[in-house]
N, C-alpha and C. Protein backbone atom coordinates (compact mmCIF):
# COMPACT_ATOMS: atom_id res chain seq x y z
N MET A 1 -5.36 -12.70 -29.38
CA MET A 1 -6.45 -11.74 -29.00
C MET A 1 -5.55 -10.62 -29.29
N SER A 2 -6.15 -9.40 -29.77
CA SER A 2 -5.40 -8.42 -29.50
C SER A 2 -5.69 -7.63 -28.23
N ARG A 3 -5.06 -6.68 -27.71
CA ARG A 3 -5.44 -6.17 -26.27
C ARG A 3 -6.02 -4.67 -27.01
N VAL A 4 -7.48 -5.13 -26.83
CA VAL A 4 -8.89 -3.96 -26.61
C VAL A 4 -9.26 -4.25 -25.74
N CYS A 5 -9.83 -2.80 -25.31
CA CYS A 5 -11.04 -2.96 -24.16
C CYS A 5 -12.02 -2.95 -24.78
N SER A 6 -13.28 -4.15 -24.02
CA SER A 6 -14.41 -4.46 -24.93
C SER A 6 -15.69 -3.41 -24.61
N LEU A 7 -15.24 -2.51 -23.75
CA LEU A 7 -16.20 -1.67 -23.39
C LEU A 7 -15.73 -0.24 -23.87
N THR A 8 -14.76 0.34 -23.72
CA THR A 8 -14.21 1.72 -24.08
C THR A 8 -13.36 1.85 -25.31
N GLY A 9 -12.86 0.56 -26.06
CA GLY A 9 -12.47 0.29 -27.18
C GLY A 9 -10.87 0.99 -27.08
N LYS A 10 -10.44 1.08 -26.08
CA LYS A 10 -9.01 1.77 -25.90
C LYS A 10 -7.96 0.99 -26.15
N ARG A 11 -7.11 1.12 -27.03
CA ARG A 11 -6.26 0.37 -27.74
C ARG A 11 -4.41 0.87 -27.63
N ARG A 12 -3.66 -0.01 -27.97
CA ARG A 12 -2.27 0.33 -27.70
C ARG A 12 -1.89 1.68 -28.59
N LEU A 13 -1.02 2.70 -27.93
CA LEU A 13 -0.38 3.86 -28.51
C LEU A 13 1.08 3.92 -28.93
N VAL A 14 1.36 3.91 -30.20
CA VAL A 14 2.65 4.05 -30.42
C VAL A 14 3.05 5.29 -30.84
N GLY A 15 4.27 5.24 -30.38
CA GLY A 15 5.20 6.52 -30.56
C GLY A 15 6.88 6.52 -30.41
N ASN A 16 7.38 6.90 -29.80
CA ASN A 16 8.84 7.16 -30.10
C ASN A 16 9.43 7.16 -28.79
N ASN A 17 11.04 6.56 -28.89
CA ASN A 17 11.38 6.88 -27.40
C ASN A 17 12.78 7.48 -27.89
N VAL A 18 12.67 8.74 -27.37
CA VAL A 18 13.88 10.02 -27.82
C VAL A 18 15.14 9.63 -26.92
N SER A 19 16.32 9.51 -27.39
CA SER A 19 17.50 9.62 -26.63
C SER A 19 17.84 10.82 -26.49
N HIS A 20 19.05 11.05 -25.41
CA HIS A 20 19.38 12.14 -24.98
C HIS A 20 20.31 12.65 -26.40
N SER A 21 20.85 12.07 -27.56
CA SER A 21 21.36 12.23 -28.71
C SER A 21 20.00 12.34 -29.45
N ASN A 22 18.78 12.70 -29.48
CA ASN A 22 17.76 12.58 -30.10
C ASN A 22 17.46 11.63 -31.20
N ARG A 23 18.14 10.59 -30.86
CA ARG A 23 17.96 9.43 -32.01
C ARG A 23 16.59 8.73 -31.58
N LYS A 24 15.60 8.25 -32.43
CA LYS A 24 13.88 8.03 -32.30
C LYS A 24 13.94 6.68 -32.55
N THR A 25 13.34 5.67 -31.50
CA THR A 25 12.78 4.20 -32.09
C THR A 25 11.85 4.06 -31.34
N LYS A 26 10.95 3.32 -32.10
CA LYS A 26 9.58 3.24 -31.99
C LYS A 26 9.46 2.29 -30.52
N ARG A 27 8.38 2.63 -29.78
CA ARG A 27 7.83 1.75 -28.68
C ARG A 27 6.47 1.79 -28.77
N VAL A 28 5.67 0.91 -27.90
CA VAL A 28 4.45 0.88 -28.12
C VAL A 28 4.24 0.75 -26.10
N GLN A 29 2.99 1.28 -26.19
CA GLN A 29 2.59 1.63 -24.59
C GLN A 29 1.00 0.57 -25.00
N GLU A 30 0.51 -0.53 -24.27
CA GLU A 30 -0.12 -1.50 -24.07
C GLU A 30 -0.86 -0.69 -22.84
N PRO A 31 -2.59 -0.95 -23.59
CA PRO A 31 -3.67 -0.76 -22.31
C PRO A 31 -3.42 -1.82 -21.06
N ASN A 32 -3.75 -1.23 -20.04
CA ASN A 32 -3.69 -2.03 -18.43
C ASN A 32 -4.77 -2.98 -18.85
N LEU A 33 -5.09 -4.30 -19.47
CA LEU A 33 -6.37 -4.75 -19.28
C LEU A 33 -6.39 -5.71 -18.41
N VAL A 34 -7.64 -5.89 -17.76
CA VAL A 34 -7.62 -7.35 -16.71
C VAL A 34 -8.84 -8.08 -17.24
N LYS A 35 -9.01 -9.57 -17.17
CA LYS A 35 -10.08 -10.09 -17.30
C LYS A 35 -11.26 -9.88 -16.10
N LYS A 36 -12.48 -9.61 -16.45
CA LYS A 36 -13.47 -9.39 -15.34
C LYS A 36 -14.48 -10.06 -15.75
N ARG A 37 -15.32 -10.87 -14.84
CA ARG A 37 -16.90 -11.43 -14.93
C ARG A 37 -17.51 -10.24 -14.11
N ILE A 38 -19.05 -10.14 -15.18
CA ILE A 38 -19.87 -8.96 -14.92
C ILE A 38 -21.08 -9.63 -14.80
N PHE A 39 -21.59 -9.79 -13.75
CA PHE A 39 -23.42 -10.24 -13.14
C PHE A 39 -23.96 -9.31 -14.20
N ILE A 40 -24.94 -9.88 -15.00
CA ILE A 40 -25.93 -8.96 -15.55
C ILE A 40 -27.35 -9.63 -15.48
N PRO A 41 -28.22 -8.64 -14.54
CA PRO A 41 -29.17 -9.21 -13.97
C PRO A 41 -30.71 -9.32 -14.64
N GLU A 42 -30.63 -8.54 -15.50
CA GLU A 42 -31.46 -8.70 -16.80
C GLU A 42 -31.93 -10.26 -17.00
N GLU A 43 -30.31 -10.71 -17.60
CA GLU A 43 -30.28 -11.99 -18.44
C GLU A 43 -30.15 -13.03 -17.20
N ASN A 44 -29.62 -12.44 -16.49
CA ASN A 44 -29.45 -13.72 -15.19
C ASN A 44 -28.42 -14.36 -15.20
N ARG A 45 -27.09 -13.86 -15.89
CA ARG A 45 -26.23 -14.70 -16.28
C ARG A 45 -24.80 -13.54 -16.06
N THR A 46 -23.41 -14.01 -15.64
CA THR A 46 -22.10 -13.56 -16.32
C THR A 46 -21.51 -13.67 -17.18
N VAL A 47 -21.01 -12.78 -17.87
CA VAL A 47 -19.98 -12.34 -19.06
C VAL A 47 -18.55 -12.07 -18.79
N THR A 48 -17.80 -12.95 -19.37
CA THR A 48 -16.45 -12.54 -18.98
C THR A 48 -15.86 -11.23 -20.30
N VAL A 49 -15.03 -10.22 -19.60
CA VAL A 49 -14.93 -9.39 -20.73
C VAL A 49 -13.44 -8.74 -20.23
N ARG A 50 -13.05 -8.54 -21.08
CA ARG A 50 -11.58 -7.80 -21.04
C ARG A 50 -11.61 -6.13 -20.93
N LEU A 51 -11.28 -5.71 -20.13
CA LEU A 51 -11.47 -4.41 -19.31
C LEU A 51 -10.01 -3.66 -19.38
N SER A 52 -9.64 -2.59 -19.75
CA SER A 52 -9.16 -1.38 -19.23
C SER A 52 -9.15 -1.56 -17.71
N THR A 53 -8.43 -1.06 -16.78
CA THR A 53 -8.60 -0.79 -15.49
C THR A 53 -9.44 0.57 -15.23
N ARG A 54 -8.90 1.50 -16.06
CA ARG A 54 -10.06 2.57 -15.86
C ARG A 54 -11.24 2.68 -16.42
N ALA A 55 -11.71 1.55 -17.39
CA ALA A 55 -12.95 1.73 -17.57
C ALA A 55 -13.85 0.86 -16.42
N LEU A 56 -12.96 -0.07 -15.51
CA LEU A 56 -13.50 -0.78 -14.72
C LEU A 56 -13.65 0.12 -13.40
N ARG A 57 -12.78 0.79 -13.27
CA ARG A 57 -13.17 2.17 -12.06
C ARG A 57 -14.04 2.83 -12.01
N THR A 58 -14.51 3.24 -13.37
CA THR A 58 -15.27 3.85 -14.15
C THR A 58 -16.67 2.99 -13.86
N LEU A 59 -16.52 1.77 -14.40
CA LEU A 59 -18.13 0.82 -14.01
C LEU A 59 -17.77 0.70 -12.51
N ASN A 60 -17.51 0.50 -11.57
CA ASN A 60 -17.73 0.42 -10.31
C ASN A 60 -18.22 1.57 -9.38
N LYS A 61 -17.62 2.86 -10.20
CA LYS A 61 -18.20 3.94 -9.70
C LYS A 61 -20.02 4.40 -9.82
N MET A 62 -20.01 4.29 -11.46
CA MET A 62 -21.08 4.36 -12.14
C MET A 62 -22.29 3.76 -11.98
N GLY A 63 -22.02 2.20 -12.01
CA GLY A 63 -22.60 1.09 -12.43
C GLY A 63 -22.90 0.62 -13.71
N LEU A 64 -23.23 -0.54 -13.58
CA LEU A 64 -23.27 -0.99 -15.35
C LEU A 64 -23.82 -0.36 -16.12
N HIS A 65 -25.54 0.00 -15.74
CA HIS A 65 -25.99 0.49 -16.80
C HIS A 65 -26.05 1.92 -17.05
N GLN A 66 -25.43 2.67 -16.29
CA GLN A 66 -25.23 4.35 -16.21
C GLN A 66 -23.94 4.57 -17.50
N PHE A 67 -23.35 3.32 -16.91
CA PHE A 67 -21.75 3.59 -17.54
C PHE A 67 -22.16 3.07 -18.89
N LEU A 68 -22.57 2.06 -19.41
CA LEU A 68 -23.12 1.51 -20.63
C LEU A 68 -23.66 2.83 -21.76
N LYS A 69 -24.65 3.07 -20.69
CA LYS A 69 -25.80 4.45 -21.46
C LYS A 69 -24.41 5.65 -21.77
N ALA A 70 -23.79 6.16 -20.95
CA ALA A 70 -22.46 7.05 -21.23
C ALA A 70 -22.04 6.52 -22.41
N GLU A 71 -21.33 5.61 -22.63
CA GLU A 71 -20.57 5.29 -23.80
C GLU A 71 -21.47 4.80 -24.88
N GLY A 72 -22.78 4.98 -24.80
CA GLY A 72 -23.47 5.01 -26.22
C GLY A 72 -23.76 3.25 -26.71
N ILE A 73 -23.43 2.17 -25.70
CA ILE A 73 -23.50 1.03 -26.22
C ILE A 73 -24.57 0.05 -25.32
N ARG A 74 -25.31 -1.02 -26.19
CA ARG A 74 -26.34 -1.36 -25.99
C ARG A 74 -26.16 -2.88 -25.72
N LEU A 75 -26.86 -3.08 -24.49
CA LEU A 75 -26.91 -4.39 -24.37
C LEU A 75 -27.79 -5.69 -25.54
């Protein structure tokens, strides 16, 4: 399973490690993903999603419907 946030689509970043002598080697920054169960009251069920922790914080602050509306995602 790829490391992608299921709500925001955040993926890994690829760049270079640059040493003091200016050598460049590839490096990868993975998103901080967590598995989370979210209750959807309209469907009266829970779904398990992999969210970035940034998306989880925003989801907790805004609420599910307002967050999905802001992201342009429909249930």
